Protein backbone atom coordinates (compact mmCIF):
# COMPACT_ATOMS: atom_id res chain seq x y z
CA PHE A 1 65.53 99.44 79.69
CA PRO A 2 65.77 98.54 83.42
CA VAL A 3 66.29 102.06 84.76
CA THR A 4 62.69 102.89 83.92
CA ILE A 5 61.13 100.06 85.94
CA ILE A 6 63.36 99.45 88.98
CA VAL A 7 62.45 101.40 92.09
CA PHE A 8 65.09 101.87 94.79
CA SER A 9 63.74 100.72 98.14
CA VAL A 10 65.05 100.40 101.67
CA SER A 11 65.69 96.70 101.04
CA MET A 12 68.15 97.55 98.25
CA LYS A 13 71.67 98.53 99.15
CA PHE A 14 74.04 101.17 97.79
CA SER A 15 77.80 101.55 98.31
CA HIS A 16 79.99 104.59 97.69
CA LEU A 17 82.68 103.62 95.15
CA HIS A 18 84.32 107.02 94.56
CA ASN A 19 85.74 108.60 97.72
CA HIS A 20 88.69 110.80 98.55
CA THR A 21 90.32 110.67 101.97
CA GLN A 22 92.94 112.79 103.67
CA TYR A 23 95.46 110.88 101.55
CA SER A 24 94.26 112.91 98.56
CA LEU A 25 96.77 115.44 99.77
CA LEU A 26 95.33 118.91 100.39
CA ASP A 27 92.24 117.91 98.40
CA GLY A 28 90.39 115.28 100.43
CA ALA A 29 89.24 116.01 103.99
CA SER A 30 87.67 112.68 104.95
CA SER A 31 89.27 110.61 107.67
CA ILE A 32 89.14 106.88 106.97
CA SER A 33 87.77 106.07 110.43
CA ARG A 34 84.88 108.52 110.02
CA LEU A 35 84.02 107.12 106.60
CA PHE A 36 83.80 103.60 107.96
CA ALA A 37 81.82 104.78 110.99
CA LYS A 38 79.25 106.46 108.77
CA ALA A 39 79.12 103.56 106.30
CA THR A 40 78.65 101.09 109.16
CA LYS A 41 75.90 103.15 110.77
CA ASP A 42 74.13 103.38 107.40
CA GLU A 43 74.61 99.62 106.80
CA MET A 44 76.41 100.06 103.48
CA PRO A 45 77.78 96.79 102.08
CA ALA A 46 81.09 98.29 100.97
CA LEU A 47 83.25 101.37 100.72
CA ALA A 48 85.95 102.27 98.19
CA ILE A 49 89.01 104.47 98.53
CA THR A 50 89.97 106.33 95.34
CA ASP A 51 92.54 108.94 96.26
CA HIS A 52 94.17 111.16 93.65
CA GLY A 53 97.23 109.56 92.08
CA ASN A 54 98.32 107.53 95.11
CA MET A 55 97.51 104.55 97.32
CA PHE A 56 99.12 105.90 100.49
CA GLY A 57 95.97 105.18 102.48
CA ALA A 58 95.34 101.61 101.25
CA PHE A 59 96.94 99.79 104.20
CA ASN A 60 95.23 102.01 106.79
CA PHE A 61 91.95 101.71 104.87
CA VAL A 62 91.92 97.91 104.79
CA SER A 63 93.15 97.64 108.38
CA GLN A 64 90.32 99.92 109.52
CA ALA A 65 87.78 97.73 107.74
CA TRP A 66 89.00 94.62 109.59
CA LYS A 67 88.42 96.27 112.97
CA ASN A 68 84.68 95.63 112.58
CA THR A 69 83.94 92.08 111.40
CA LYS A 70 81.05 89.67 111.00
CA ILE A 71 80.85 85.86 110.92
CA ILE A 72 80.25 84.53 107.42
CA GLY A 73 80.61 80.81 108.07
CA LYS A 74 82.83 78.07 109.48
CA ASP A 75 86.11 76.62 108.26
CA ALA A 76 86.93 72.90 108.03
CA ASN A 77 87.84 72.85 111.74
CA GLY A 78 84.63 74.52 112.82
CA ASN A 79 86.22 77.91 113.51
CA ASP A 80 84.40 81.10 112.65
CA LEU A 81 85.20 82.67 109.29
CA LEU A 82 85.28 86.45 109.57
CA ALA A 83 84.91 89.23 107.04
CA PRO A 84 84.71 93.02 107.39
CA THR A 85 81.21 94.32 108.09
CA VAL A 86 81.85 96.95 105.40
CA LYS A 87 83.87 95.46 102.54
CA PRO A 88 86.95 97.59 101.74
CA ILE A 89 87.52 98.21 98.02
CA VAL A 90 90.95 99.56 97.18
CA GLY A 91 91.23 101.86 94.21
CA CYS A 92 92.81 105.02 92.91
CA GLU A 93 91.79 108.00 90.79
CA PHE A 94 94.71 108.27 88.41
CA TYR A 95 95.93 111.18 86.32
CA VAL A 96 96.06 109.89 82.75
CA VAL A 97 97.95 111.72 80.00
CA LYS A 98 98.76 111.01 76.37
CA ASP A 99 102.44 110.28 77.08
CA ARG A 100 103.76 110.03 80.64
CA HIS A 101 107.32 110.68 79.43
CA VAL A 102 106.56 114.17 78.04
CA LYS A 103 107.36 116.82 80.65
CA GLN A 104 107.86 120.04 78.71
CA PHE A 105 104.81 122.19 78.12
CA THR A 106 103.83 125.70 77.05
CA LYS A 107 100.77 127.91 77.52
CA GLU A 108 99.52 126.68 74.17
CA ASN A 109 100.47 123.05 74.75
CA LYS A 110 99.51 122.32 78.35
CA ASP A 111 99.78 119.13 80.37
CA ASP A 112 96.34 117.71 79.53
CA ARG A 113 95.45 115.38 82.40
CA PHE A 114 92.33 113.24 82.66
CA HIS A 115 91.00 111.59 85.80
CA GLN A 116 90.40 107.84 85.87
CA VAL A 117 89.03 105.65 88.67
CA LEU A 118 90.39 102.10 88.78
CA LEU A 119 89.36 99.56 91.45
CA ALA A 120 91.16 96.38 92.48
CA LYS A 121 88.92 93.37 91.90
CA ASN A 122 91.35 90.93 93.52
CA ALA A 123 94.97 90.51 94.66
CA VAL A 124 96.21 90.63 91.06
CA GLY A 125 94.35 93.88 90.49
CA TYR A 126 95.76 95.30 93.71
CA GLN A 127 99.31 94.49 92.57
CA ASN A 128 98.61 96.11 89.21
CA LEU A 129 97.29 99.28 90.87
CA ILE A 130 100.45 99.40 92.96
CA LYS A 131 102.49 99.08 89.78
CA LEU A 132 100.55 101.87 88.10
CA THR A 133 100.86 104.27 91.03
CA SER A 134 104.58 103.53 91.39
CA LEU A 135 105.24 104.13 87.70
CA GLY A 136 103.20 107.32 87.92
CA TYR A 137 105.76 108.66 90.39
CA ILE A 138 108.84 107.06 88.85
CA GLU A 139 108.19 107.74 85.16
CA GLY A 140 105.30 110.17 84.92
CA MET A 141 105.85 112.71 87.68
CA TYR A 142 105.37 116.29 86.50
CA SER A 143 104.86 119.20 88.90
CA LYS A 144 102.84 117.62 91.73
CA TYR A 145 101.08 115.07 89.54
CA PRO A 146 102.04 111.38 89.26
CA ARG A 147 100.81 110.59 85.74
CA ILE A 148 100.22 107.38 83.81
CA ASP A 149 99.10 106.77 80.23
CA LYS A 150 97.07 104.27 78.24
CA GLU A 151 100.17 102.25 77.44
CA LEU A 152 100.55 101.41 81.13
CA ILE A 153 96.83 100.78 81.59
CA GLU A 154 96.87 98.28 78.73
CA LYS A 155 99.78 96.50 80.37
CA TYR A 156 98.45 96.46 83.95
CA HIS A 157 94.66 96.19 83.70
CA GLU A 158 94.19 92.55 84.73
CA GLY A 159 92.06 92.22 87.86
CA VAL A 160 91.00 95.86 87.62
CA ILE A 161 87.56 97.47 87.33
CA ALA A 162 87.24 100.82 85.51
CA THR A 163 84.52 103.46 85.33
CA THR A 164 83.88 106.49 83.15
CA CYS A 165 84.78 108.44 86.30
CA CYS A 166 83.96 112.10 86.88
CA ILE A 167 83.63 115.31 84.87
CA GLY A 168 87.43 115.45 84.52
CA ALA A 169 87.77 112.04 82.84
CA HIS A 170 88.41 111.11 79.20
CA VAL A 171 84.85 110.31 78.09
CA PRO A 172 83.09 113.17 79.93
CA GLN A 173 85.65 115.67 78.65
CA ALA A 174 85.23 114.36 75.10
CA ILE A 175 81.50 114.99 75.45
CA LEU A 176 82.06 118.56 76.64
CA ARG A 177 85.00 119.52 74.42
CA HIS A 178 84.14 117.71 71.20
CA ASP A 179 81.07 115.77 70.13
CA GLU A 180 79.20 112.55 70.76
CA LYS A 181 81.05 110.68 68.01
CA THR A 182 84.46 111.50 69.54
CA ALA A 183 83.20 110.61 73.00
CA GLU A 184 81.81 107.31 71.75
CA LYS A 185 85.16 106.40 70.18
CA GLU A 186 86.87 107.12 73.51
CA PHE A 187 84.20 105.17 75.37
CA LYS A 188 84.72 102.18 73.08
CA TRP A 189 88.47 102.12 73.78
CA TRP A 190 87.84 101.63 77.51
CA LEU A 191 84.99 99.20 76.94
CA ASP A 192 87.05 97.05 74.58
CA LEU A 193 89.89 96.88 77.11
CA PHE A 194 87.90 96.22 80.30
CA GLY A 195 84.82 94.48 78.89
CA GLU A 196 82.40 93.45 81.64
CA ASP A 197 84.57 95.23 84.19
CA TYR A 198 83.77 98.64 82.71
CA PHE A 199 80.97 100.72 84.24
CA ILE A 200 79.33 104.01 83.43
CA GLU A 201 79.58 106.39 86.39
CA ILE A 202 77.13 109.24 86.80
CA GLN A 203 77.21 112.05 89.35
CA ARG A 204 74.84 114.86 90.30
CA HIS A 205 76.18 117.96 92.05
CA ASN A 206 73.85 120.56 90.53
CA ILE A 207 76.37 121.28 87.77
CA LYS A 208 74.88 121.85 84.33
CA GLU A 209 77.81 120.20 82.54
CA GLN A 210 77.16 116.99 84.47
CA GLU A 211 73.65 116.76 83.06
CA VAL A 212 75.02 117.06 79.53
CA ILE A 213 77.52 114.31 80.31
CA ASN A 214 74.95 112.09 82.02
CA ASN A 215 72.48 112.30 79.14
CA THR A 216 75.11 111.09 76.68
CA LEU A 217 76.39 108.38 79.03
CA LEU A 218 72.85 107.06 79.48
CA GLN A 219 72.63 106.70 75.70
CA PHE A 220 75.93 104.79 75.65
CA SER A 221 74.66 102.55 78.43
CA LYS A 222 71.60 101.61 76.45
CA LYS A 223 73.46 101.15 73.16
CA TYR A 224 76.30 99.00 74.56
CA ASN A 225 74.47 97.44 77.53
CA VAL A 226 76.98 98.82 80.05
CA PRO A 227 75.74 99.07 83.66
CA ILE A 228 75.36 102.50 85.26
CA ILE A 229 76.55 103.24 88.79
CA ALA A 230 75.85 106.37 90.81
CA THR A 231 78.63 107.98 92.83
CA ASN A 232 79.10 111.25 94.67
CA ASP A 233 82.85 111.89 94.37
CA SER A 234 83.00 112.52 98.11
CA HIS A 235 85.80 114.71 99.45
CA TYR A 236 84.51 115.16 103.00
CA VAL A 237 82.28 113.14 105.33
CA ASP A 238 79.40 115.44 106.23
CA GLN A 239 77.86 118.44 104.53
CA ASP A 240 78.95 120.61 107.45
CA ASP A 241 82.57 119.81 106.56
CA ALA A 242 82.36 121.73 103.29
CA ASN A 243 83.88 124.92 104.72
CA ALA A 244 86.81 123.06 106.30
CA HIS A 245 87.39 121.38 102.94
CA ASP A 246 87.36 124.76 101.20
CA ILE A 247 90.00 126.03 103.62
CA LEU A 248 92.08 122.95 102.77
CA LEU A 249 91.86 123.85 99.08
CA CYS A 250 93.06 127.39 99.90
CA ILE A 251 96.11 125.93 101.64
CA ASN A 252 96.70 123.75 98.57
CA THR A 253 96.63 126.68 96.14
CA GLY A 254 98.01 129.40 98.43
CA GLU A 255 94.87 131.50 98.06
CA LYS A 256 92.60 133.37 100.46
CA GLN A 257 89.14 131.97 101.09
CA SER A 258 87.64 135.36 100.24
CA THR A 259 88.95 135.11 96.67
CA PRO A 260 86.09 134.13 94.30
CA GLY A 261 86.31 130.74 92.62
CA PHE A 262 86.40 130.07 88.88
CA ASP A 263 84.22 127.64 86.92
CA ASP A 264 86.85 124.94 86.34
CA PHE A 265 86.99 122.91 89.56
CA VAL A 266 88.71 119.96 87.86
CA ASN A 267 92.16 121.50 87.35
CA ASP A 268 93.57 122.90 90.59
CA ASP A 269 96.62 124.33 88.81
CA THR A 270 94.60 126.65 86.57
CA GLN A 271 95.59 130.28 87.14
CA ILE A 272 93.09 133.07 86.59
CA LYS A 273 93.71 136.55 87.95
CA ASN A 274 91.65 137.28 91.08
CA ARG A 275 90.09 133.82 90.97
CA ARG A 276 90.88 130.57 92.78
CA PHE A 277 90.28 126.82 92.58
CA LYS A 278 87.06 126.05 94.42
CA PHE A 279 84.33 123.40 94.49
CA PRO A 280 81.02 124.81 93.21
CA ASN A 281 78.89 123.82 96.22
CA ASP A 282 78.64 121.76 99.42
CA GLN A 283 77.34 118.57 97.82
CA PHE A 284 80.63 116.62 97.62
CA TYR A 285 80.09 114.77 100.88
CA PHE A 286 79.59 111.13 101.87
CA LYS A 287 75.82 110.97 101.51
CA THR A 288 73.64 108.35 103.15
CA GLN A 289 71.83 105.67 101.16
CA GLU A 290 68.60 107.58 101.68
CA GLU A 291 70.12 110.79 100.29
CA MET A 292 71.55 108.97 97.29
CA GLY A 293 68.19 107.24 96.78
CA LYS A 294 66.44 110.59 96.52
CA LEU A 295 69.14 112.06 94.28
CA PHE A 296 68.90 109.19 91.79
CA SER A 297 65.26 108.25 92.31
CA ASP A 298 64.69 108.35 88.55
CA ILE A 299 67.59 105.94 87.89
CA PRO A 300 67.39 103.47 90.81
CA ALA A 301 69.37 100.85 88.89
CA SER A 302 72.41 103.11 89.16
CA LEU A 303 72.28 102.63 92.93
CA ASP A 304 71.59 98.90 92.90
CA ASN A 305 74.29 98.28 90.28
CA THR A 306 76.98 99.26 92.78
CA ASN A 307 76.35 95.79 94.22
CA MET A 308 77.60 94.26 90.97
CA ILE A 309 81.02 95.72 91.67
CA VAL A 310 80.88 94.92 95.39
CA ASP A 311 80.09 91.27 94.64
CA ARG A 312 83.00 90.97 92.18
CA VAL A 313 85.59 92.35 94.56
CA GLU A 314 87.52 89.89 96.72
CA VAL A 315 88.25 91.06 100.26
CA LEU A 316 91.86 92.05 100.81
CA ASN A 317 93.65 91.60 104.11
CA LEU A 318 96.89 93.44 103.52
CA LYS A 319 98.21 92.97 107.04
CA LYS A 320 97.72 89.23 106.84
CA ASP A 321 99.07 88.92 103.34
CA ILE A 322 102.32 90.83 103.92
CA LEU A 323 105.08 88.27 104.44
CA LEU A 324 108.39 89.24 105.99
CA PRO A 325 111.44 87.23 104.92
CA ALA A 326 112.37 84.32 107.22
CA PHE A 327 116.07 84.92 107.83
CA PRO A 328 118.11 81.90 108.98
CA ILE A 329 119.30 82.39 112.56
CA PRO A 330 121.76 80.52 114.81
CA LYS A 331 120.36 77.62 116.83
CA GLU A 332 121.06 79.28 120.18
CA PHE A 333 118.37 81.86 119.37
CA GLN A 334 115.74 79.30 118.35
CA ILE A 335 114.23 79.18 121.81
CA HIS A 336 110.55 79.80 120.99
CA LYS A 337 108.01 77.78 119.04
CA ASP A 338 107.15 80.95 117.12
CA ALA A 339 109.78 81.60 114.42
CA ASN A 340 109.01 85.33 114.50
CA LEU A 341 109.92 85.50 118.20
CA ASN A 342 113.17 83.66 117.49
CA GLN A 343 114.04 86.23 114.81
CA TRP A 344 113.15 88.95 117.29
CA GLU A 345 115.61 87.52 119.83
CA TYR A 346 118.34 87.43 117.19
CA LEU A 347 117.58 90.97 115.98
CA GLN A 348 117.95 92.31 119.52
CA HIS A 349 121.25 90.49 119.90
CA ILE A 350 122.90 91.68 116.67
CA THR A 351 121.57 95.22 117.23
CA ARG A 352 123.14 95.48 120.69
CA GLU A 353 126.38 93.88 119.52
CA GLY A 354 126.48 96.29 116.61
CA ALA A 355 125.94 99.23 118.95
CA LYS A 356 128.97 98.19 121.01
CA ILE A 357 131.11 98.16 117.86
CA ARG A 358 129.76 101.44 116.57
CA TYR A 359 129.80 103.46 119.79
CA ASN A 360 132.34 101.65 121.99
CA ASP A 361 130.64 103.11 125.07
CA VAL A 362 126.86 102.57 124.97
CA THR A 363 125.63 105.43 127.15
CA PRO A 364 122.18 105.44 128.82
CA GLU A 365 121.06 107.93 126.14
CA ILE A 366 122.15 105.61 123.31
CA GLN A 367 120.59 102.62 125.07
CA GLU A 368 117.28 104.47 125.44
CA ARG A 369 117.29 105.33 121.74
CA LEU A 370 118.20 101.76 120.84
CA ASP A 371 115.39 100.32 122.97
CA PHE A 372 112.93 102.75 121.42
CA GLU A 373 113.89 101.78 117.88
CA LEU A 374 113.61 98.07 118.70
CA PHE A 375 110.27 98.67 120.40
CA THR A 376 109.00 100.49 117.30
CA ILE A 377 110.08 97.66 114.98
CA LYS A 378 108.32 95.08 117.15
CA THR A 379 105.09 97.00 117.75
CA MET A 380 104.78 97.85 114.05
CA GLY A 381 104.90 94.15 113.24
CA PHE A 382 108.16 94.27 111.31
CA ALA A 383 109.80 91.62 113.47
């Protein structure tokens, strides 16, 4: 079995594929720019964004990646081909339930949510992740949780990579709540659906339950020949940010920081008298390759295997790929070679004509507001 013979060295590379940013609302404290800065400094090949239940940060994330590029070759005309120095991998950590349509629960029959990391392998996968997140809000929203179910995952899994995720996911929870046989059945469902795009994810945060989970997952890896990847479920950039992150959690739950935490750090809506939702330690940060190498020194393949996912993922350029509709415009406004500038000229014209109709008297105050709105549209790239 390869994990017993591969030794992680400085020549091998590791990428973080499970990270929460500030777009994991009131749960993640990492700014996207700081994540990329640290990943670039540490020469990581890639970086994934996996915020809870949403993809609000995807556009910002990919745009940030393209600010620091490298030359990877030449095109047919001899021009440089560029790619991000740190490859951006867009993903999401979904809330998965048995039936997204069920929204009535009791103390005995609670909303049982499981975490699930899905990564976009290509443009098709990205579109499917968008579909899943949208349906989570449109059809599965309950309390503050956009929820999906296996029915949707079966329908929209093309171009998507899945992992066993964290302690709050289906397979790990089956290991803790039930037995190995039940967990294996759950594991097989995901493996049968995703095939070679399914990976076993292991984490180490000095939590005893994680070791129980990891031991079983390592057995599944050997039995079914499924690659293992190491992650750190980062919620903040540096270890020193742990206290600021804890304060963020207090804001989320409306608790005081002095209130002791309870053992269940997976479910932030759990209510226990005189206890609060809290992470167990300060290890949920964006660790360097060296730190991850030491943490998983006994399973170096779990670090190197992150490159399998990185190599499969096609680089997205969301800003480039977004196409605005080309509206037909009168010939008198087709004064530039650039069609976008012609549309801009026409937009200004119809906006100002419309303002005259709407307000009769376009005061300096209205004109200032109008100019600002037009300026915003143009500078944001929407015209």
